[in-house]
Amino acid sequence: MPIRIWVTLDESPRSSAALSAAAALAAELDAELAGLFVEDVDLQHLVGLPFAREFSLLSGAARTLTPGEIERGWRREAERMQRRLAEMAGTNRLRWSFRVARGRVTAEVSLQAQAFDFVVLGQRCGIGIAAIGRATRSAAAPAARSGPVLVLFEDRTTSARSLQTAATLARRDGAELVLLIPAGDDAAFGAACAAAREELGRSGAIGRCVRIAALDATALTRMARREGASCLVLADTQRYLAPGEAGRALDALDCPVVLTRQGTAGAPSSSAASTA
């Protein structure tokens, strides 16, 4: 079965980084690159409230938004995202597809992820962030992150594919690879670090081990911020796509989040070169 990589898109810098990461993986794996743009109904509901306003970054002026303006804005943004996806796919000679859905971002992504091997989160899920993102999209985008690629290592069975995915992305960018190890004591941390490095060694990659206090999204988000991560790679899509604290914590990150499914056929090749 062909490998498919799903990437969620909007006009944020995080989305641009997510598209770049997804395209690199697709080129590495000869996979289909599939884009998703979600018309977030929470934003539509917010517009219906009497206090809802859009503020201009240039003038500071506020104005009332109408449902019709939101609809037209969605159409324009979706068209731009489709063009951007097509250009990226053309540059990398990738098969691609694009879909527009209306609903809540987390719910739509969770539903679609069941049929995909990798999910790269670029579009924000929180209503506050979504509203701000549309109001500030004309601002100059910050420079692309050049920090390390972070990957969570739990055990060989769960995390083998995540390790290889993270190694592929780190090679592409010439970035450091950082292995996040949840461990209760020094002995457990040392053993897990050795196992992770041995697994990475199969593809000639190396990584720096960092201990995290707990295996939860809040701890992962805190570590990604501290390290200035360019990307965070995690295993098991559904665990991190479920509504609740995990989704909110990951949504606060500026870097893209790559979710891998266990047992995905066609792992990144150990001999592959950078796709940058």
C-alpha atoms as a PDB file:
ATOM      1  CA  MET A   1       0.000   0.000   0.000  1.00  0.00           C
ATOM      2  CA  PRO A   2       1.412   3.439  -0.904  1.00  0.00           C
ATOM      3  CA  ILE A   3       2.640   5.578   1.971  1.00  0.00           C
ATOM      4  CA  ARG A   4       0.672   8.762   2.597  1.00  0.00           C
ATOM      5  CA  ILE A   5       1.696  11.816   4.609  1.00  0.00           C
ATOM      6  CA  TRP A   6      -0.972  14.183   5.843  1.00  0.00           C
ATOM      7  CA  VAL A   7      -0.077  17.820   6.603  1.00  0.00           C
ATOM      8  CA  THR A   8      -2.426  20.415   8.063  1.00  0.00           C
ATOM      9  CA  LEU A   9      -2.030  23.879   6.573  1.00  0.00           C
ATOM     10  CA  ASP A  10      -2.757  27.515   7.289  1.00  0.00           C
ATOM     11  CA  GLU A  11      -0.800  30.741   6.790  1.00  0.00           C
ATOM     12  CA  SER A  12       1.287  30.554   9.973  1.00  0.00           C
ATOM     13  CA  PRO A  13       5.096  30.130   9.996  1.00  0.00           C
ATOM     14  CA  ARG A  14       4.582  26.818  11.795  1.00  0.00           C
ATOM     15  CA  SER A  15       2.506  25.609   8.847  1.00  0.00           C
ATOM     16  CA  SER A  16       5.268  26.531   6.368  1.00  0.00           C
ATOM     17  CA  ALA A  17       7.771  24.556   8.438  1.00  0.00           C
ATOM     18  CA  ALA A  18       5.342  21.638   8.627  1.00  0.00           C
ATOM     19  CA  LEU A  19       4.902  21.578   4.845  1.00  0.00           C
ATOM     20  CA  SER A  20       8.664  21.577   4.359  1.00  0.00           C
ATOM     21  CA  ALA A  21       9.097  18.690   6.816  1.00  0.00           C
ATOM     22  CA  ALA A  22       6.246  16.710   5.257  1.00  0.00           C
ATOM     23  CA  ALA A  23       7.652  17.195   1.753  1.00  0.00           C
ATOM     24  CA  ALA A  24      11.087  16.017   2.900  1.00  0.00           C
ATOM     25  CA  LEU A  25       9.582  12.819   4.318  1.00  0.00           C
ATOM     26  CA  ALA A  26       7.461  12.274   1.207  1.00  0.00           C
ATOM     27  CA  ALA A  27      10.508  12.625  -1.043  1.00  0.00           C
ATOM     28  CA  GLU A  28      12.471  10.237   1.175  1.00  0.00           C
ATOM     29  CA  LEU A  29       9.729   7.598   1.202  1.00  0.00           C
ATOM     30  CA  ASP A  30       8.298   8.109  -2.311  1.00  0.00           C
ATOM     31  CA  ALA A  31       5.020   8.921  -0.555  1.00  0.00           C
ATOM     32  CA  GLU A  32       1.926  10.912  -1.430  1.00  0.00           C
ATOM     33  CA  LEU A  33       1.787  14.377   0.132  1.00  0.00           C
ATOM     34  CA  ALA A  34      -1.765  15.234   1.187  1.00  0.00           C
ATOM     35  CA  GLY A  35      -2.753  18.686   2.421  1.00  0.00           C
ATOM     36  CA  LEU A  36      -5.685  19.535   4.658  1.00  0.00           C
ATOM     37  CA  PHE A  37      -7.142  22.989   5.293  1.00  0.00           C
ATOM     38  CA  VAL A  38      -9.841  23.129   7.966  1.00  0.00           C
ATOM     39  CA  GLU A  39     -12.406  25.905   8.051  1.00  0.00           C
ATOM     40  CA  ASP A  40     -12.562  26.117  11.828  1.00  0.00           C
ATOM     41  CA  VAL A  41     -16.187  26.409  12.929  1.00  0.00           C
ATOM     42  CA  ASP A  42     -15.115  27.771  16.311  1.00  0.00           C
ATOM     43  CA  LEU A  43     -13.863  30.881  14.542  1.00  0.00           C
ATOM     44  CA  GLN A  44     -17.204  31.170  12.775  1.00  0.00           C
ATOM     45  CA  HIS A  45     -19.011  30.928  16.112  1.00  0.00           C
ATOM     46  CA  LEU A  46     -16.710  33.566  17.592  1.00  0.00           C
ATOM     47  CA  VAL A  47     -17.588  36.010  14.801  1.00  0.00           C
ATOM     48  CA  GLY A  48     -21.233  35.770  15.822  1.00  0.00           C
ATOM     49  CA  LEU A  49     -20.496  37.205  19.272  1.00  0.00           C
ATOM     50  CA  PRO A  50     -21.151  40.949  19.743  1.00  0.00           C
ATOM     51  CA  PHE A  51     -17.661  41.686  21.076  1.00  0.00           C
ATOM     52  CA  ALA A  52     -15.761  39.949  18.234  1.00  0.00           C
ATOM     53  CA  ARG A  53     -13.419  42.289  16.352  1.00  0.00           C
ATOM     54  CA  GLU A  54     -10.550  42.048  13.880  1.00  0.00           C
ATOM     55  CA  PHE A  55      -7.588  44.328  14.621  1.00  0.00           C
ATOM     56  CA  SER A  56      -5.163  45.673  12.036  1.00  0.00           C
ATOM     57  CA  LEU A  57      -1.502  45.249  12.928  1.00  0.00           C
ATOM     58  CA  LEU A  58      -0.588  48.352  10.966  1.00  0.00           C
ATOM     59  CA  SER A  59      -3.163  50.844  12.228  1.00  0.00           C
ATOM     60  CA  GLY A  60      -4.527  49.190  15.349  1.00  0.00           C
ATOM     61  CA  ALA A  61      -8.040  49.883  14.086  1.00  0.00           C
ATOM     62  CA  ALA A  62     -10.803  47.422  14.932  1.00  0.00           C
ATOM     63  CA  ARG A  63     -13.728  46.387  12.792  1.00  0.00           C
ATOM     64  CA  THR A  64     -16.623  43.973  13.063  1.00  0.00           C
ATOM     65  CA  LEU A  65     -16.332  40.762  11.087  1.00  0.00           C
ATOM     66  CA  THR A  66     -19.271  39.233   9.229  1.00  0.00           C
ATOM     67  CA  PRO A  67     -19.905  35.571   8.359  1.00  0.00           C
ATOM     68  CA  GLY A  68     -19.585  36.446   4.669  1.00  0.00           C
ATOM     69  CA  GLU A  69     -16.106  37.893   5.203  1.00  0.00           C
ATOM     70  CA  ILE A  70     -15.058  34.759   7.072  1.00  0.00           C
ATOM     71  CA  GLU A  71     -16.298  32.575   4.198  1.00  0.00           C
ATOM     72  CA  ARG A  72     -14.443  34.651   1.604  1.00  0.00           C
ATOM     73  CA  GLY A  73     -11.309  34.648   3.752  1.00  0.00           C
ATOM     74  CA  TRP A  74     -11.433  30.868   4.052  1.00  0.00           C
ATOM     75  CA  ARG A  75     -11.728  30.458   0.284  1.00  0.00           C
ATOM     76  CA  ARG A  76      -8.782  32.769  -0.373  1.00  0.00           C
ATOM     77  CA  GLU A  77      -6.633  31.061   2.253  1.00  0.00           C
ATOM     78  CA  ALA A  78      -7.497  27.575   0.976  1.00  0.00           C
ATOM     79  CA  GLU A  79      -6.549  28.600  -2.564  1.00  0.00           C
ATOM     80  CA  ARG A  80      -3.205  29.937  -1.360  1.00  0.00           C
ATOM     81  CA  MET A  81      -2.535  26.762   0.642  1.00  0.00           C
ATOM     82  CA  GLN A  82      -3.348  24.577  -2.363  1.00  0.00           C
ATOM     83  CA  ARG A  83      -0.980  26.579  -4.578  1.00  0.00           C
ATOM     84  CA  ARG A  84       1.765  26.364  -1.967  1.00  0.00           C
ATOM     85  CA  LEU A  85       1.276  22.606  -1.652  1.00  0.00           C
ATOM     86  CA  ALA A  86       1.307  22.165  -5.440  1.00  0.00           C
ATOM     87  CA  GLU A  87       4.520  24.185  -5.755  1.00  0.00           C
ATOM     88  CA  MET A  88       6.240  22.187  -3.023  1.00  0.00           C
ATOM     89  CA  ALA A  89       5.090  18.903  -4.543  1.00  0.00           C
ATOM     90  CA  GLY A  90       6.241  20.003  -8.008  1.00  0.00           C
ATOM     91  CA  THR A  91       9.679  20.983  -6.733  1.00  0.00           C
ATOM     92  CA  ASN A  92      10.099  17.576  -5.105  1.00  0.00           C
ATOM     93  CA  ARG A  93       8.273  15.619  -7.845  1.00  0.00           C
ATOM     94  CA  LEU A  94       5.696  14.274  -5.413  1.00  0.00           C
ATOM     95  CA  ARG A  95       2.212  12.911  -5.820  1.00  0.00           C
ATOM     96  CA  TRP A  96      -0.154  15.215  -3.966  1.00  0.00           C
ATOM     97  CA  SER A  97      -3.748  15.906  -3.047  1.00  0.00           C
ATOM     98  CA  PHE A  98      -5.574  18.668  -1.208  1.00  0.00           C
ATOM     99  CA  ARG A  99      -8.782  18.687   0.800  1.00  0.00           C
ATOM    100  CA  VAL A 100     -10.857  21.370   2.497  1.00  0.00           C
ATOM    101  CA  ALA A 101     -13.009  20.386   5.469  1.00  0.00           C
ATOM    102  CA  ARG A 102     -15.231  22.342   7.834  1.00  0.00           C
ATOM    103  CA  GLY A 103     -15.292  21.503  11.513  1.00  0.00           C
ATOM    104  CA  ARG A 104     -12.875  21.562  14.408  1.00  0.00           C
ATOM    105  CA  VAL A 105      -9.230  21.125  13.452  1.00  0.00           C
ATOM    106  CA  THR A 106      -8.442  18.422  16.024  1.00  0.00           C
ATOM    107  CA  ALA A 107     -11.535  16.377  15.147  1.00  0.00           C
ATOM    108  CA  GLU A 108     -10.929  16.591  11.387  1.00  0.00           C
ATOM    109  CA  VAL A 109      -7.253  15.708  11.667  1.00  0.00           C
ATOM    110  CA  SER A 110      -7.980  12.827  14.051  1.00  0.00           C
ATOM    111  CA  LEU A 111     -10.570  11.442  11.635  1.00  0.00           C
ATOM    112  CA  GLN A 112      -8.333  11.683   8.576  1.00  0.00           C
ATOM    113  CA  ALA A 113      -5.222  10.411  10.375  1.00  0.00           C
ATOM    114  CA  GLN A 114      -6.646   6.909  10.590  1.00  0.00           C
ATOM    115  CA  ALA A 115      -5.897   6.396   6.879  1.00  0.00           C
ATOM    116  CA  PHE A 116      -2.411   7.959   6.855  1.00  0.00           C
ATOM    117  CA  ASP A 117       1.048   6.790   7.874  1.00  0.00           C
ATOM    118  CA  PHE A 118       2.378  10.156   9.061  1.00  0.00           C
ATOM    119  CA  VAL A 119       0.612  13.286  10.261  1.00  0.00           C
ATOM    120  CA  VAL A 120       2.442  16.621  10.328  1.00  0.00           C
ATOM    121  CA  LEU A 121       0.637  19.262  12.365  1.00  0.00           C
ATOM    122  CA  GLY A 122       0.931  22.758  10.949  1.00  0.00           C
ATOM    123  CA  GLN A 123      -2.517  24.312  11.373  1.00  0.00           C
ATOM    124  CA  ARG A 124      -3.371  25.537  14.839  1.00  0.00           C
ATOM    125  CA  CYS A 125      -6.209  23.907  16.747  1.00  0.00           C
ATOM    126  CA  GLY A 126      -7.059  26.490  19.423  1.00  0.00           C
ATOM    127  CA  ILE A 127      -9.722  29.105  18.709  1.00  0.00           C
ATOM    128  CA  GLY A 128      -7.669  31.931  20.208  1.00  0.00           C
ATOM    129  CA  ILE A 129      -4.642  31.090  18.103  1.00  0.00           C
ATOM    130  CA  ALA A 130      -6.743  30.582  14.983  1.00  0.00           C
ATOM    131  CA  ALA A 131      -8.347  33.987  15.304  1.00  0.00           C
ATOM    132  CA  ILE A 132      -5.048  35.725  15.948  1.00  0.00           C
ATOM    133  CA  GLY A 133      -3.412  33.876  13.051  1.00  0.00           C
ATOM    134  CA  ARG A 134      -5.943  35.224  10.578  1.00  0.00           C
ATOM    135  CA  ALA A 135      -5.684  38.744  11.922  1.00  0.00           C
ATOM    136  CA  THR A 136      -1.870  38.814  11.760  1.00  0.00           C
ATOM    137  CA  ARG A 137      -1.147  36.933   8.564  1.00  0.00           C
ATOM    138  CA  SER A 138       0.130  40.051   6.815  1.00  0.00           C
ATOM    139  CA  ALA A 139       2.933  40.446   9.363  1.00  0.00           C
ATOM    140  CA  ALA A 140       6.458  39.489   8.356  1.00  0.00           C
ATOM    141  CA  ALA A 141       7.144  35.833   9.140  1.00  0.00           C
ATOM    142  CA  PRO A 142      10.002  35.111  11.543  1.00  0.00           C
ATOM    143  CA  ALA A 143      13.109  33.392  10.266  1.00  0.00           C
ATOM    144  CA  ALA A 144      12.921  29.611   9.952  1.00  0.00           C
ATOM    145  CA  ARG A 145      14.037  27.758  13.030  1.00  0.00           C
ATOM    146  CA  SER A 146      17.447  26.114  12.906  1.00  0.00           C
ATOM    147  CA  GLY A 147      17.253  24.281  16.223  1.00  0.00           C
ATOM    148  CA  PRO A 148      17.504  20.547  16.858  1.00  0.00           C
ATOM    149  CA  VAL A 149      15.035  17.863  15.855  1.00  0.00           C
ATOM    150  CA  LEU A 150      13.531  16.330  18.998  1.00  0.00           C
ATOM    151  CA  VAL A 151      12.158  12.792  19.183  1.00  0.00           C
ATOM    152  CA  LEU A 152      10.509  10.975  22.068  1.00  0.00           C
ATOM    153  CA  PHE A 153      11.989   7.540  22.815  1.00  0.00           C
ATOM    154  CA  GLU A 154       9.816   5.216  24.897  1.00  0.00           C
ATOM    155  CA  ASP A 155      11.059   1.772  23.838  1.00  0.00           C
ATOM    156  CA  ARG A 156      12.299   0.062  20.669  1.00  0.00           C
ATOM    157  CA  THR A 157       8.884  -1.263  19.643  1.00  0.00           C
ATOM    158  CA  THR A 158       7.015   2.000  20.088  1.00  0.00           C
ATOM    159  CA  SER A 159       9.664   4.448  18.929  1.00  0.00           C
ATOM    160  CA  ALA A 160      11.756   2.760  16.207  1.00  0.00           C
ATOM    161  CA  ARG A 161       9.889   4.482  13.383  1.00  0.00           C
ATOM    162  CA  SER A 162       9.943   7.837  15.158  1.00  0.00           C
ATOM    163  CA  LEU A 163      13.713   7.590  15.571  1.00  0.00           C
ATOM    164  CA  GLN A 164      14.265   6.933  11.873  1.00  0.00           C
ATOM    165  CA  THR A 165      11.846   9.709  10.903  1.00  0.00           C
ATOM    166  CA  ALA A 166      13.612  12.201  13.179  1.00  0.00           C
ATOM    167  CA  ALA A 167      17.005  11.115  11.853  1.00  0.00           C
ATOM    168  CA  THR A 168      15.795  11.751   8.288  1.00  0.00           C
ATOM    169  CA  LEU A 169      14.657  15.263   9.167  1.00  0.00           C
ATOM    170  CA  ALA A 170      17.862  16.027  11.071  1.00  0.00           C
ATOM    171  CA  ARG A 171      19.980  14.903   8.101  1.00  0.00           C
ATOM    172  CA  ARG A 172      17.939  17.056   5.768  1.00  0.00           C
ATOM    173  CA  ASP A 173      18.552  20.202   7.807  1.00  0.00           C
ATOM    174  CA  GLY A 174      22.014  19.382   9.125  1.00  0.00           C
ATOM    175  CA  ALA A 175      20.431  19.669  12.577  1.00  0.00           C
ATOM    176  CA  GLU A 176      21.294  18.061  15.873  1.00  0.00           C
ATOM    177  CA  LEU A 177      19.136  15.095  16.887  1.00  0.00           C
ATOM    178  CA  VAL A 178      17.955  15.127  20.514  1.00  0.00           C
ATOM    179  CA  LEU A 179      16.455  12.007  22.105  1.00  0.00           C
ATOM    180  CA  LEU A 180      13.892  12.721  24.827  1.00  0.00           C
ATOM    181  CA  ILE A 181      14.013   9.924  27.414  1.00  0.00           C
ATOM    182  CA  PRO A 182      11.332   9.641  30.120  1.00  0.00           C
ATOM    183  CA  ALA A 183      13.004   7.901  33.064  1.00  0.00           C
ATOM    184  CA  GLY A 184      12.504   7.755  36.807  1.00  0.00           C
ATOM    185  CA  ASP A 185      16.133   7.314  37.770  1.00  0.00           C
ATOM    186  CA  ASP A 186      19.671   7.508  36.385  1.00  0.00           C
ATOM    187  CA  ALA A 187      19.939   3.765  35.722  1.00  0.00           C
ATOM    188  CA  ALA A 188      16.734   3.676  33.679  1.00  0.00           C
ATOM    189  CA  PHE A 189      17.794   6.784  31.780  1.00  0.00           C
ATOM    190  CA  GLY A 190      21.204   5.296  30.942  1.00  0.00           C
ATOM    191  CA  ALA A 191      19.720   2.015  29.734  1.00  0.00           C
ATOM    192  CA  ALA A 192      17.078   3.738  27.576  1.00  0.00           C
ATOM    193  CA  CYS A 193      19.641   6.141  26.115  1.00  0.00           C
ATOM    194  CA  ALA A 194      21.907   3.231  25.159  1.00  0.00           C
ATOM    195  CA  ALA A 195      18.992   1.389  23.526  1.00  0.00           C
ATOM    196  CA  ALA A 196      17.944   4.482  21.563  1.00  0.00           C
ATOM    197  CA  ARG A 197      21.480   5.139  20.336  1.00  0.00           C
ATOM    198  CA  GLU A 198      21.877   1.502  19.317  1.00  0.00           C
ATOM    199  CA  GLU A 199      18.646   1.715  17.306  1.00  0.00           C
ATOM    200  CA  LEU A 200      19.832   4.926  15.651  1.00  0.00           C
ATOM    201  CA  GLY A 201      23.189   3.353  14.892  1.00  0.00           C
ATOM    202  CA  ARG A 202      21.501   1.024  12.415  1.00  0.00           C
ATOM    203  CA  SER A 203      21.176   4.019  10.083  1.00  0.00           C
ATOM    204  CA  GLY A 204      24.462   5.649  11.007  1.00  0.00           C
ATOM    205  CA  ALA A 205      22.776   8.428  12.998  1.00  0.00           C
ATOM    206  CA  ILE A 206      23.745   9.749  16.413  1.00  0.00           C
ATOM    207  CA  GLY A 207      21.813  11.706  19.001  1.00  0.00           C
ATOM    208  CA  ARG A 208      22.108  13.495  22.323  1.00  0.00           C
ATOM    209  CA  CYS A 209      20.000  12.066  25.151  1.00  0.00           C
ATOM    210  CA  VAL A 210      17.987  14.360  27.426  1.00  0.00           C
ATOM    211  CA  ARG A 211      15.943  13.157  30.377  1.00  0.00           C
ATOM    212  CA  ILE A 212      12.373  14.390  30.806  1.00  0.00           C
ATOM    213  CA  ALA A 213      10.504  14.166  34.068  1.00  0.00           C
ATOM    214  CA  ALA A 214       7.187  12.828  32.774  1.00  0.00           C
ATOM    215  CA  LEU A 215       5.680  11.256  29.679  1.00  0.00           C
ATOM    216  CA  ASP A 216       3.050  13.867  28.899  1.00  0.00           C
ATOM    217  CA  ALA A 217       2.474  16.590  26.349  1.00  0.00           C
ATOM    218  CA  THR A 218       3.162  19.402  28.814  1.00  0.00           C
ATOM    219  CA  ALA A 219       6.649  18.061  29.587  1.00  0.00           C
ATOM    220  CA  LEU A 220       7.335  17.536  25.882  1.00  0.00           C
ATOM    221  CA  THR A 221       6.227  21.073  25.056  1.00  0.00           C
ATOM    222  CA  ARG A 222       8.376  22.537  27.812  1.00  0.00           C
ATOM    223  CA  MET A 223      11.424  20.628  26.554  1.00  0.00           C
ATOM    224  CA  ALA A 224      10.812  21.633  22.929  1.00  0.00           C
ATOM    225  CA  ARG A 225      10.731  25.276  23.960  1.00  0.00           C
ATOM    226  CA  ARG A 226      13.854  24.972  26.100  1.00  0.00           C
ATOM    227  CA  GLU A 227      15.795  23.349  23.272  1.00  0.00           C
ATOM    228  CA  GLY A 228      14.487  25.752  20.619  1.00  0.00           C
ATOM    229  CA  ALA A 229      13.340  22.749  18.583  1.00  0.00           C
ATOM    230  CA  SER A 230      12.822  22.971  14.839  1.00  0.00           C
ATOM    231  CA  CYS A 231      10.586  19.880  14.929  1.00  0.00           C
ATOM    232  CA  LEU A 232       9.141  17.402  17.448  1.00  0.00           C
ATOM    233  CA  VAL A 233       8.577  13.763  16.420  1.00  0.00           C
ATOM    234  CA  LEU A 234       6.202  11.541  18.398  1.00  0.00           C
ATOM    235  CA  ALA A 235       4.812   8.027  17.973  1.00  0.00           C
ATOM    236  CA  ASP A 236       1.144   6.991  17.953  1.00  0.00           C
ATOM    237  CA  THR A 237      -1.014   9.591  16.250  1.00  0.00           C
ATOM    238  CA  GLN A 238      -4.237   9.040  18.152  1.00  0.00           C
ATOM    239  CA  ARG A 239      -2.726   9.556  21.596  1.00  0.00           C
ATOM    240  CA  TYR A 240      -1.762  13.127  20.722  1.00  0.00           C
ATOM    241  CA  LEU A 241      -4.750  13.962  18.536  1.00  0.00           C
ATOM    242  CA  ALA A 242      -7.328  13.238  21.213  1.00  0.00           C
ATOM    243  CA  PRO A 243      -9.094  16.361  22.511  1.00  0.00           C
ATOM    244  CA  GLY A 244      -7.849  17.641  25.842  1.00  0.00           C
ATOM    245  CA  GLU A 245      -4.618  18.669  27.502  1.00  0.00           C
ATOM    246  CA  ALA A 246      -2.276  16.943  25.042  1.00  0.00           C
ATOM    247  CA  GLY A 247      -3.695  18.769  22.048  1.00  0.00           C
ATOM    248  CA  ARG A 248      -3.678  22.122  23.814  1.00  0.00           C
ATOM    249  CA  ALA A 249      -0.066  21.708  24.922  1.00  0.00           C
ATOM    250  CA  LEU A 250       1.196  20.726  21.466  1.00  0.00           C
ATOM    251  CA  ASP A 251      -0.829  23.508  19.881  1.00  0.00           C
ATOM    252  CA  ALA A 252       1.214  26.041  21.838  1.00  0.00           C
ATOM    253  CA  LEU A 253       4.432  25.026  20.062  1.00  0.00           C
ATOM    254  CA  ASP A 254       5.884  27.165  17.279  1.00  0.00           C
ATOM    255  CA  CYS A 255       7.548  24.180  15.606  1.00  0.00           C
ATOM    256  CA  PRO A 256       5.747  21.478  13.578  1.00  0.00           C
ATOM    257  CA  VAL A 257       4.841  18.195  15.260  1.00  0.00           C
ATOM    258  CA  VAL A 258       5.297  14.961  13.278  1.00  0.00           C
ATOM    259  CA  LEU A 259       3.167  12.009  14.415  1.00  0.00           C
ATOM    260  CA  THR A 260       4.130   8.523  13.245  1.00  0.00           C
ATOM    261  CA  ARG A 261       2.072   5.364  13.261  1.00  0.00           C
ATOM    262  CA  GLN A 262       3.536   2.111  14.497  1.00  0.00           C
ATOM    263  CA  GLY A 263       4.066  -0.574  11.890  1.00  0.00           C
ATOM    264  CA  THR A 264       4.176   1.842   8.961  1.00  0.00           C
ATOM    265  CA  ALA A 265       5.677   0.173   5.935  1.00  0.00           C
ATOM    266  CA  GLY A 266       8.606   1.813   4.236  1.00  0.00           C
ATOM    267  CA  ALA A 267      10.662   3.410   6.980  1.00  0.00           C
ATOM    268  CA  PRO A 268      13.222   6.003   5.974  1.00  0.00           C
ATOM    269  CA  SER A 269      16.171   4.303   4.358  1.00  0.00           C
ATOM    270  CA  SER A 270      19.417   4.093   6.332  1.00  0.00           C
ATOM    271  CA  SER A 271      21.378   5.124   3.261  1.00  0.00           C
ATOM    272  CA  ALA A 272      19.230   8.089   2.235  1.00  0.00           C
ATOM    273  CA  ALA A 273      20.833  11.474   1.739  1.00  0.00           C
ATOM    274  CA  SER A 274      19.466  14.843   2.758  1.00  0.00           C
ATOM    275  CA  THR A 275      16.433  15.996   0.772  1.00  0.00           C
ATOM    276  CA  ALA A 276      17.003  19.673   1.364  1.00  0.00           C
END
